[in-house]
């Protein structure tokens, strides 16, 4: 994308006013989206995101400037702007860039450009009409197929000169069912760090059926009763509870400033001993995986909580300075226009030893949250509120009637202590996580777990 020689000159310009670190990040990203609604292809969109950013540090001060002009002249102007914004001083740095080849642990067989639109439309139609034809109560279906070809280059004054190509594919089906004048929504949106070969293992027809079945089930459900009760949260996207209520509080973005419920607690017991939580950017072809982060640090597997004890945070280079700790390969950004910071990759509660049937049987009366939806969390306090997309009442240790309108309300530090049963069937779900450095692809995951006591919102 940009030669080593040009990168070196840009970095030299960036440190010309006394910065002790400088970084050049460049990207060229192609996004391809096909949308369906009203039983036909509604739109085909192609967008390109291309540009670069120069970031400089001096102690605990950081400045970033960005540009869409990636010529040498444009990059030098950008570097000059960052340098001048940082302040006055003199450069005292010898920059030697060496190309780093970190390898690719996420091989792609079919790149986005090598398959035709008719092939992609056929896949999307398979999922779309599986949902549309599932049940007469289905009133509307929306489908989308997304392909991303994200190419990045990172050069910095530590000597790194590295590139990475990140290809991702995702299909999304949303169905709306109506019964007795009330409508409910179901959705399914699997994604991988793969090309179209993703559909060798993910059946788009099953994706459509999943979305429609959820909508139909919830449309016929009564309202969830409110109260404090035990809750069994299913695997896969159920992991969004840990991601939001606890994961964000383990990012250096919050921890470095003491704005986290877990700041200063390394080595302390913060969860039930059955809880081991991991952030792993190295899982082959997983939606949230990376080869290198957006500062050029190789991806790694970080054990955050081990048997209830806090072992590590997720750290980027800049916040690591404030904490006196090394980067853990978690610096991420939506694009060159955002300043990178510590973010999750594939974050999950590891499999335990409890059998699923024993977890359900242990609950005399409570809620089975089969699928979780969106919510909100305060990373400082850990207080959260999450919707349950598909829920069922548990009576006498058996899953009974479906209920809608359920939400889970609590505090991250408390829910970690109250997870007292952890199943064996860990699985992951895909999402887009928003934070100060934009929206990025992340996996959330867990096995079936039991929370012994949590506030359930309902009627």
Protein backbone atom coordinates (compact mmCIF):
# COMPACT_ATOMS: atom_id res chain seq x y z
CA UNK A 1 0.00 0.00 0.00
CA UNK A 2 2.72 2.47 1.05
CA UNK A 3 6.44 1.75 0.68
CA UNK A 4 8.78 1.45 3.65
CA UNK A 5 10.76 4.45 2.45
CA UNK A 6 7.69 6.69 2.38
CA UNK A 7 6.54 5.39 5.77
CA UNK A 8 9.95 6.23 7.26
CA UNK A 9 9.85 9.80 5.95
CA UNK A 10 6.32 10.25 7.29
CA UNK A 11 7.30 8.96 10.73
CA UNK A 12 10.36 11.22 10.79
CA UNK A 13 8.12 14.19 10.07
CA UNK A 14 5.71 13.04 12.81
CA UNK A 15 8.42 13.02 15.51
CA UNK A 16 10.00 16.28 14.34
CA UNK A 17 8.60 18.26 17.29
CA UNK A 18 9.79 15.85 19.96
CA UNK A 19 7.31 12.97 20.03
CA UNK A 20 8.69 9.80 21.62
CA UNK A 21 6.49 7.52 19.48
CA UNK A 22 4.79 7.82 16.09
CA UNK A 23 2.58 5.51 14.10
CA UNK A 24 1.17 5.46 10.57
CA UNK A 25 -2.00 3.47 9.94
CA UNK A 26 -3.38 3.13 6.40
CA UNK A 27 -6.34 1.18 5.10
CA UNK A 28 -8.23 0.29 1.96
CA UNK A 29 -11.52 -1.46 2.69
CA UNK A 30 -14.11 -2.70 0.21
CA UNK A 31 -17.63 -3.33 1.55
CA UNK A 32 -20.18 -5.22 -0.57
CA UNK A 33 -23.79 -5.51 0.62
CA UNK A 34 -26.84 -7.17 -0.96
CA UNK A 35 -30.23 -6.47 0.63
CA UNK A 36 -33.61 -8.14 0.17
CA UNK A 37 -37.07 -7.00 1.24
CA UNK A 38 -40.59 -7.55 -0.09
CA UNK A 39 -39.44 -10.80 -1.74
CA UNK A 40 -36.96 -9.13 -4.07
CA UNK A 41 -33.42 -7.80 -4.13
CA UNK A 42 -33.76 -4.25 -2.89
CA UNK A 43 -30.21 -2.91 -3.22
CA UNK A 44 -26.62 -3.82 -4.01
CA UNK A 45 -24.11 -1.45 -2.47
CA UNK A 46 -20.35 -1.19 -2.90
CA UNK A 47 -18.39 1.25 -0.75
CA UNK A 48 -14.69 1.92 -0.39
CA UNK A 49 -13.07 3.30 2.75
CA UNK A 50 -9.52 4.47 2.08
CA UNK A 51 -7.25 6.78 4.01
CA UNK A 52 -4.52 7.03 6.62
CA UNK A 53 -3.88 8.38 10.10
CA UNK A 54 -0.73 9.53 11.89
CA UNK A 55 -0.62 9.30 15.67
CA UNK A 56 2.09 10.66 17.98
CA UNK A 57 2.78 10.30 21.70
CA UNK A 58 4.81 12.33 24.12
CA UNK A 59 4.58 10.80 27.55
CA UNK A 60 0.87 10.51 28.25
CA UNK A 61 -0.16 13.00 25.56
CA UNK A 62 -1.49 11.65 22.28
CA UNK A 63 -2.50 13.39 19.05
CA UNK A 64 -3.92 11.88 15.87
CA UNK A 65 -4.49 13.41 12.43
CA UNK A 66 -6.11 11.66 9.46
CA UNK A 67 -6.35 12.16 5.71
CA UNK A 68 -7.83 10.64 2.57
CA UNK A 69 -4.79 11.79 0.59
CA UNK A 70 -2.38 8.84 0.74
CA UNK A 71 0.21 10.31 -1.61
CA UNK A 72 3.56 11.01 0.01
CA UNK A 73 2.76 14.72 0.03
CA UNK A 74 -0.61 14.13 1.67
CA UNK A 75 0.86 11.85 4.32
CA UNK A 76 3.64 14.30 5.12
CA UNK A 77 1.08 17.09 5.58
CA UNK A 78 -0.90 14.84 7.91
CA UNK A 79 2.24 14.00 9.91
CA UNK A 80 3.13 17.70 10.14
CA UNK A 81 -0.34 18.50 11.51
CA UNK A 82 -0.01 15.84 14.20
CA UNK A 83 3.50 16.99 15.10
CA UNK A 84 2.51 20.65 15.38
CA UNK A 85 -0.55 19.80 17.49
CA UNK A 86 1.64 17.86 19.92
CA UNK A 87 3.85 20.85 20.61
CA UNK A 88 7.37 22.20 20.13
CA UNK A 89 10.56 20.25 20.53
CA UNK A 90 13.36 18.53 18.66
CA UNK A 91 13.50 15.10 17.05
CA UNK A 92 16.02 12.64 18.51
CA UNK A 93 15.05 9.33 16.95
CA UNK A 94 16.66 6.95 14.46
CA UNK A 95 13.89 5.07 12.69
CA UNK A 96 14.63 1.69 11.10
CA UNK A 97 11.62 -0.11 9.62
CA UNK A 98 11.75 -3.88 9.15
CA UNK A 99 8.94 -5.72 7.46
CA UNK A 100 7.21 -8.14 9.83
CA UNK A 101 5.39 -11.17 8.45
CA UNK A 102 3.12 -12.44 11.19
CA UNK A 103 1.48 -15.06 8.97
CA UNK A 104 -2.20 -15.69 8.37
CA UNK A 105 -4.04 -18.03 10.71
CA UNK A 106 -7.35 -17.25 8.99
CA UNK A 107 -7.00 -18.59 5.42
CA UNK A 108 -9.73 -17.58 2.95
CA UNK A 109 -10.64 -19.83 0.03
CA UNK A 110 -13.05 -17.58 -1.89
CA UNK A 111 -12.37 -13.84 -1.86
CA UNK A 112 -15.33 -11.46 -2.27
CA UNK A 113 -14.29 -10.45 -5.77
CA UNK A 114 -14.02 -14.05 -7.00
CA UNK A 115 -17.70 -14.97 -6.66
CA UNK A 116 -20.49 -13.43 -8.72
CA UNK A 117 -23.51 -11.45 -7.57
CA UNK A 118 -25.90 -14.16 -8.88
CA UNK A 119 -24.14 -16.71 -6.65
CA UNK A 120 -24.41 -14.43 -3.64
CA UNK A 121 -28.05 -13.57 -4.36
CA UNK A 122 -28.91 -17.28 -4.57
CA UNK A 123 -27.48 -17.80 -1.07
CA UNK A 124 -29.38 -14.81 0.33
CA UNK A 125 -32.64 -15.91 -1.33
CA UNK A 126 -32.29 -19.36 0.23
CA UNK A 127 -32.26 -17.83 3.71
CA UNK A 128 -34.86 -15.18 2.90
CA UNK A 129 -37.54 -17.50 1.52
CA UNK A 130 -36.91 -20.13 4.21
CA UNK A 131 -38.07 -17.46 6.66
CA UNK A 132 -40.85 -16.07 4.46
CA UNK A 133 -42.44 -19.49 3.89
CA UNK A 134 -41.98 -20.84 7.42
CA UNK A 135 -45.44 -19.94 8.72
CA UNK A 136 -48.50 -17.98 7.53
CA UNK A 137 -48.03 -15.56 10.46
CA UNK A 138 -44.77 -14.22 8.95
CA UNK A 139 -45.60 -10.71 7.75
CA UNK A 140 -42.21 -9.37 6.70
CA UNK A 141 -38.66 -10.56 6.14
CA UNK A 142 -35.48 -8.58 5.57
CA UNK A 143 -32.25 -10.19 4.43
CA UNK A 144 -28.71 -8.94 4.01
CA UNK A 145 -25.44 -10.45 2.85
CA UNK A 146 -22.30 -8.52 3.82
CA UNK A 147 -18.74 -8.99 2.58
CA UNK A 148 -15.79 -6.97 3.87
CA UNK A 149 -12.27 -6.95 2.41
CA UNK A 150 -10.26 -4.91 4.93
CA UNK A 151 -6.60 -4.22 4.09
CA UNK A 152 -4.39 -2.41 6.59
CA UNK A 153 -0.78 -1.26 6.91
CA UNK A 154 0.92 -0.24 10.13
CA UNK A 155 4.35 1.35 10.51
CA UNK A 156 5.70 2.81 13.74
CA UNK A 157 8.86 4.05 15.36
CA UNK A 158 9.47 0.76 17.20
CA UNK A 159 10.46 -0.56 13.75
CA UNK A 160 7.26 -2.34 12.78
CA UNK A 161 6.22 -2.35 9.13
CA UNK A 162 3.37 -4.84 8.71
CA UNK A 163 0.27 -5.48 6.62
CA UNK A 164 -2.83 -7.61 7.07
CA UNK A 165 -5.86 -8.54 5.01
CA UNK A 166 -9.09 -9.27 6.86
CA UNK A 167 -11.96 -10.79 4.87
CA UNK A 168 -15.31 -11.28 6.60
CA UNK A 169 -18.71 -12.55 5.46
CA UNK A 170 -22.05 -12.37 7.26
CA UNK A 171 -25.65 -13.18 6.46
CA UNK A 172 -28.53 -11.63 8.40
CA UNK A 173 -32.21 -12.63 8.29
CA UNK A 174 -34.83 -10.71 10.29
CA UNK A 175 -38.42 -11.97 10.35
CA UNK A 176 -41.58 -10.37 11.73
CA UNK A 177 -44.54 -12.53 12.79
CA UNK A 178 -47.99 -11.25 13.76
CA UNK A 179 -50.60 -12.95 15.95
CA UNK A 180 -53.73 -11.34 17.39
CA UNK A 181 -52.65 -7.95 16.13
CA UNK A 182 -49.26 -7.99 17.86
CA UNK A 183 -45.96 -8.33 16.02
CA UNK A 184 -42.72 -9.89 17.27
CA UNK A 185 -39.30 -10.08 15.63
CA UNK A 186 -36.82 -12.93 15.24
CA UNK A 187 -33.33 -12.75 13.82
CA UNK A 188 -30.25 -14.78 12.99
CA UNK A 189 -26.95 -13.34 11.74
CA UNK A 190 -23.96 -15.70 11.63
CA UNK A 191 -20.62 -14.43 10.35
CA UNK A 192 -17.05 -15.63 9.97
CA UNK A 193 -13.61 -14.35 9.00
CA UNK A 194 -14.07 -16.22 5.73
CA UNK A 195 -15.21 -15.73 2.16
CA UNK A 196 -18.21 -17.41 0.56
CA UNK A 197 -16.86 -20.78 1.71
CA UNK A 198 -18.58 -19.89 4.99
CA UNK A 199 -21.71 -21.40 3.47
CA UNK A 200 -20.05 -24.81 3.23
CA UNK A 201 -20.68 -25.07 6.98
CA UNK A 202 -23.46 -22.52 7.59
CA UNK A 203 -26.76 -23.37 5.90
CA UNK A 204 -28.57 -20.16 4.84
CA UNK A 205 -31.90 -22.05 4.81
CA UNK A 206 -31.39 -22.94 8.49
CA UNK A 207 -30.57 -19.29 9.23
CA UNK A 208 -33.93 -18.22 7.77
CA UNK A 209 -35.84 -20.93 9.65
CA UNK A 210 -34.15 -19.92 12.91
CA UNK A 211 -35.21 -16.27 12.53
CA UNK A 212 -38.78 -17.13 11.55
CA UNK A 213 -39.25 -19.74 14.27
CA UNK A 214 -38.15 -17.27 16.93
CA UNK A 215 -40.55 -14.62 15.62
CA UNK A 216 -43.49 -17.05 15.51
CA UNK A 217 -42.74 -18.41 18.99
CA UNK A 218 -42.52 -14.98 20.56
CA UNK A 219 -45.63 -13.71 18.75
CA UNK A 220 -47.64 -16.42 20.48
CA UNK A 221 -46.08 -15.92 23.90
CA UNK A 222 -47.48 -14.28 27.01
CA UNK A 223 -45.59 -11.67 29.01
CA UNK A 224 -42.78 -12.63 31.36
CA UNK A 225 -43.47 -12.16 35.08
CA UNK A 226 -41.09 -9.84 36.92
CA UNK A 227 -39.08 -10.70 39.98
CA UNK A 228 -35.77 -11.94 41.37
CA UNK A 229 -35.15 -15.52 40.26
CA UNK A 230 -32.55 -17.96 38.94
CA UNK A 231 -31.93 -17.71 35.20
CA UNK A 232 -30.35 -20.17 32.77
CA UNK A 233 -28.70 -18.29 29.89
CA UNK A 234 -28.06 -20.31 26.75
CA UNK A 235 -24.75 -20.51 24.91
CA UNK A 236 -23.60 -18.59 21.82
CA UNK A 237 -24.97 -15.00 21.84
CA UNK A 238 -25.89 -15.45 25.50
CA UNK A 239 -22.25 -14.44 26.01
CA UNK A 240 -23.27 -10.84 25.31
CA UNK A 241 -24.01 -10.61 29.04
CA UNK A 242 -20.33 -11.12 29.90
CA UNK A 243 -19.17 -9.02 26.95
CA UNK A 244 -21.18 -5.98 27.96
CA UNK A 245 -21.55 -6.25 31.73
CA UNK A 246 -17.97 -7.36 32.43
CA UNK A 247 -15.83 -7.32 29.27
CA UNK A 248 -15.90 -3.56 28.72
CA UNK A 249 -14.88 -3.06 32.34
CA UNK A 250 -11.76 -5.16 31.66
CA UNK A 251 -10.60 -2.96 28.77
CA UNK A 252 -7.72 -0.57 29.47
CA UNK A 253 -9.88 2.19 27.99
CA UNK A 254 -11.70 2.17 31.34
CA UNK A 255 -9.17 0.53 33.66
CA UNK A 256 -6.29 2.93 32.92
CA UNK A 257 -8.33 5.86 34.26
CA UNK A 258 -9.80 4.03 37.24
CA UNK A 259 -13.22 4.15 35.59
CA UNK A 260 -13.90 0.44 35.94
CA UNK A 261 -15.48 -1.78 38.54
CA UNK A 262 -12.39 -4.04 38.22
CA UNK A 263 -9.59 -1.43 38.34
CA UNK A 264 -6.80 -2.40 40.75
CA UNK A 265 -8.13 -5.92 41.30
CA UNK A 266 -5.54 -8.08 39.49
CA UNK A 267 -5.00 -11.28 41.46
CA UNK A 268 -8.23 -10.88 43.39
CA UNK A 269 -11.23 -13.21 43.26
CA UNK A 270 -13.94 -11.35 41.36
CA UNK A 271 -16.11 -14.26 40.15
CA UNK A 272 -17.38 -17.67 41.16
CA UNK A 273 -14.58 -20.25 40.95
CA UNK A 274 -16.45 -21.95 38.10
CA UNK A 275 -15.90 -18.91 35.87
CA UNK A 276 -12.95 -18.76 33.49
CA UNK A 277 -13.20 -15.99 30.90
CA UNK A 278 -10.97 -15.54 27.85
CA UNK A 279 -10.41 -13.05 25.04
CA UNK A 280 -8.78 -14.86 22.11
CA UNK A 281 -8.03 -13.11 18.81
CA UNK A 282 -6.26 -16.20 17.43
CA UNK A 283 -9.25 -18.53 16.88
CA UNK A 284 -8.96 -19.55 13.19
CA UNK A 285 -11.53 -17.85 10.95
CA UNK A 286 -13.64 -16.58 13.86
CA UNK A 287 -15.64 -13.38 13.29
CA UNK A 288 -13.65 -11.31 15.80
CA UNK A 289 -10.20 -12.77 15.05
CA UNK A 290 -7.15 -10.83 13.86
CA UNK A 291 -3.57 -11.65 12.87
CA UNK A 292 -2.30 -8.34 14.26
CA UNK A 293 -4.14 -5.58 16.05
CA UNK A 294 -4.40 -2.03 14.71
CA UNK A 295 -1.10 -1.07 16.34
CA UNK A 296 0.78 -4.00 14.77
CA UNK A 297 0.87 -6.19 17.88
CA UNK A 298 0.25 -9.90 17.15
CA UNK A 299 -3.08 -11.31 18.30
CA UNK A 300 -2.96 -13.49 21.38
CA UNK A 301 -5.08 -15.52 23.76
CA UNK A 302 -5.63 -13.59 26.99
CA UNK A 303 -7.00 -15.37 30.04
CA UNK A 304 -8.92 -12.59 31.78
CA UNK A 305 -10.43 -14.55 34.67
CA UNK A 306 -9.20 -17.97 35.76
CA UNK A 307 -11.29 -19.97 38.22
CA UNK A 308 -12.77 -16.72 39.48
CA UNK A 309 -9.47 -14.82 39.85
CA UNK A 310 -8.75 -11.72 37.75
CA UNK A 311 -5.59 -12.47 35.74
CA UNK A 312 -5.37 -9.85 32.99
CA UNK A 313 -6.89 -6.83 31.32
CA UNK A 314 -7.19 -6.10 27.58
CA UNK A 315 -4.57 -3.45 26.84
CA UNK A 316 -3.57 -1.22 23.92
CA UNK A 317 -0.19 0.48 23.58
CA UNK A 318 -1.17 3.98 24.74
CA UNK A 319 -3.25 2.99 27.76
CA UNK A 320 -0.55 0.46 28.60
CA UNK A 321 1.77 3.42 29.16
CA UNK A 322 -0.51 4.80 31.84
CA UNK A 323 -0.85 1.37 33.45
CA UNK A 324 2.83 0.41 33.14
CA UNK A 325 1.80 -2.76 31.29
CA UNK A 326 2.47 -4.19 27.82
CA UNK A 327 -0.09 -4.36 25.03
CA UNK A 328 -2.10 -7.58 24.86
CA UNK A 329 -2.90 -7.22 21.14
CA UNK A 330 -6.31 -5.61 21.72
CA UNK A 331 -5.91 -2.21 20.01
CA UNK A 332 -8.72 -1.92 17.47
CA UNK A 333 -10.44 0.78 15.42
CA UNK A 334 -13.34 0.90 12.95
CA UNK A 335 -11.26 2.76 10.39
CA UNK A 336 -8.36 5.17 9.94
CA UNK A 337 -10.70 7.99 11.04
CA UNK A 338 -10.86 6.61 14.63
CA UNK A 339 -8.17 6.57 17.30
CA UNK A 340 -7.53 2.94 18.30
CA UNK A 341 -8.06 1.80 21.86
CA UNK A 342 -8.41 -1.47 23.78
CA UNK A 343 -11.27 -3.59 22.48
CA UNK A 344 -12.43 -7.19 22.63
CA UNK A 345 -11.96 -9.80 19.87
CA UNK A 346 -13.55 -13.19 20.65
CA UNK A 347 -14.56 -13.01 24.31
CA UNK A 348 -16.17 -15.93 26.09
CA UNK A 349 -16.76 -17.85 29.28
CA UNK A 350 -14.93 -21.15 28.90
CA UNK A 351 -16.72 -24.49 29.07
CA UNK A 352 -17.27 -25.98 32.51
CA UNK A 353 -18.31 -29.42 33.73
CA UNK A 354 -22.03 -29.11 34.47
CA UNK A 355 -24.45 -30.99 32.24
CA UNK A 356 -27.15 -28.94 30.50
CA UNK A 357 -29.93 -31.15 31.82
CA UNK A 358 -28.64 -30.72 35.37
CA UNK A 359 -28.59 -26.93 35.01
CA UNK A 360 -32.23 -26.83 33.91
CA UNK A 361 -33.30 -29.47 36.45
CA UNK A 362 -31.72 -27.44 39.27
CA UNK A 363 -34.20 -24.57 38.76
CA UNK A 364 -37.57 -25.05 40.45
CA UNK A 365 -38.91 -21.76 39.09
CA UNK A 366 -37.05 -19.31 36.91
CA UNK A 367 -36.31 -18.13 33.38
CA UNK A 368 -34.58 -19.88 30.50
CA UNK A 369 -33.05 -17.16 28.28
CA UNK A 370 -32.59 -19.03 25.02
CA UNK A 371 -31.45 -15.97 23.09
CA UNK A 372 -30.30 -12.56 24.26
CA UNK A 373 -30.87 -9.24 22.55
CA UNK A 374 -29.39 -5.78 22.95
CA UNK A 375 -28.98 -3.70 26.06
CA UNK A 376 -26.96 -1.05 27.83
CA UNK A 377 -24.22 -1.02 30.47
CA UNK A 378 -22.26 1.50 32.53
CA UNK A 379 -18.62 0.23 32.51
CA UNK A 380 -17.78 2.30 35.60
CA UNK A 381 -20.40 0.67 37.81
CA UNK A 382 -21.11 -2.45 35.74
CA UNK A 383 -24.86 -1.86 35.93
CA UNK A 384 -26.65 -3.37 32.94
CA UNK A 385 -30.05 -3.94 31.38
CA UNK A 386 -30.48 -6.54 28.61
CA UNK A 387 -33.48 -7.70 26.62
CA UNK A 388 -34.21 -11.40 26.24
CA UNK A 389 -35.11 -12.09 22.60
CA UNK A 390 -36.47 -15.56 23.29
CA UNK A 391 -37.32 -16.74 26.78
CA UNK A 392 -39.20 -19.56 28.52
CA UNK A 393 -40.45 -20.16 32.04
CA UNK A 394 -38.81 -23.03 33.94
CA UNK A 395 -41.11 -24.94 36.30
CA UNK A 396 -40.10 -27.95 38.33
CA UNK A 397 -36.83 -28.26 36.45
CA UNK A 398 -38.48 -28.29 33.02
CA UNK A 399 -38.59 -25.71 30.23
CA UNK A 400 -42.25 -24.72 29.79
CA UNK A 401 -44.15 -21.95 27.96
CA UNK A 402 -42.45 -19.14 26.02
CA UNK A 403 -42.59 -15.61 27.46
CA UNK A 404 -41.84 -12.24 25.88
CA UNK A 405 -40.86 -8.84 27.22
CA UNK A 406 -38.21 -10.24 29.60
CA UNK A 407 -35.12 -8.28 30.53
CA UNK A 408 -32.18 -8.98 32.83
CA UNK A 409 -31.11 -6.21 35.20
CA UNK A 410 -28.05 -6.29 37.41
CA UNK A 411 -24.41 -5.43 38.03
CA UNK A 412 -21.44 -7.10 36.35
CA UNK A 413 -19.46 -7.75 39.53
CA UNK A 414 -22.52 -9.38 41.12
CA UNK A 415 -23.47 -11.56 38.15
CA UNK A 416 -19.93 -12.97 38.06
CA UNK A 417 -20.31 -14.14 41.65
CA UNK A 418 -23.76 -15.57 40.96
CA UNK A 419 -22.77 -17.78 38.00
CA UNK A 420 -22.76 -21.05 39.93
CA UNK A 421 -23.21 -23.63 37.14
CA UNK A 422 -21.32 -23.68 33.83
CA UNK A 423 -22.12 -26.15 31.05
CA UNK A 424 -19.88 -27.99 28.61
CA UNK A 425 -21.20 -26.76 25.24
CA UNK A 426 -19.42 -23.46 24.60
CA UNK A 427 -20.46 -21.75 21.38
CA UNK A 428 -20.15 -18.25 19.95
CA UNK A 429 -22.40 -15.63 18.39
CA UNK A 430 -21.45 -12.68 16.23
CA UNK A 431 -22.01 -8.99 16.75
CA UNK A 432 -20.74 -5.49 16.09
CA UNK A 433 -19.42 -3.74 19.19
CA UNK A 434 -19.55 0.04 19.44
CA UNK A 435 -17.18 2.11 21.57
CA UNK A 436 -14.94 5.15 21.36
CA UNK A 437 -12.94 3.69 18.46
CA UNK A 438 -16.04 2.92 16.41
CA UNK A 439 -17.89 -0.26 15.49
CA UNK A 440 -15.84 -3.45 15.19
CA UNK A 441 -16.65 -7.17 14.67
CA UNK A 442 -16.57 -9.20 17.88
CA UNK A 443 -17.56 -12.70 18.94
CA UNK A 444 -19.33 -13.34 22.23
CA UNK A 445 -19.69 -16.79 23.70
CA UNK A 446 -20.31 -19.14 26.59
CA UNK A 447 -21.84 -22.51 27.39
CA UNK A 448 -25.24 -22.73 29.07
CA UNK A 449 -24.81 -21.08 32.48
CA UNK A 450 -26.95 -20.66 35.57
CA UNK A 451 -27.14 -17.35 37.41
CA UNK A 452 -28.43 -18.23 40.87
CA UNK A 453 -30.23 -14.91 41.38
CA UNK A 454 -30.87 -11.96 39.10
CA UNK A 455 -33.62 -9.36 38.65
CA UNK A 456 -35.88 -10.21 35.75
CA UNK A 457 -37.91 -7.35 34.32
CA UNK A 458 -41.33 -8.15 32.89
CA UNK A 459 -45.00 -7.69 33.77
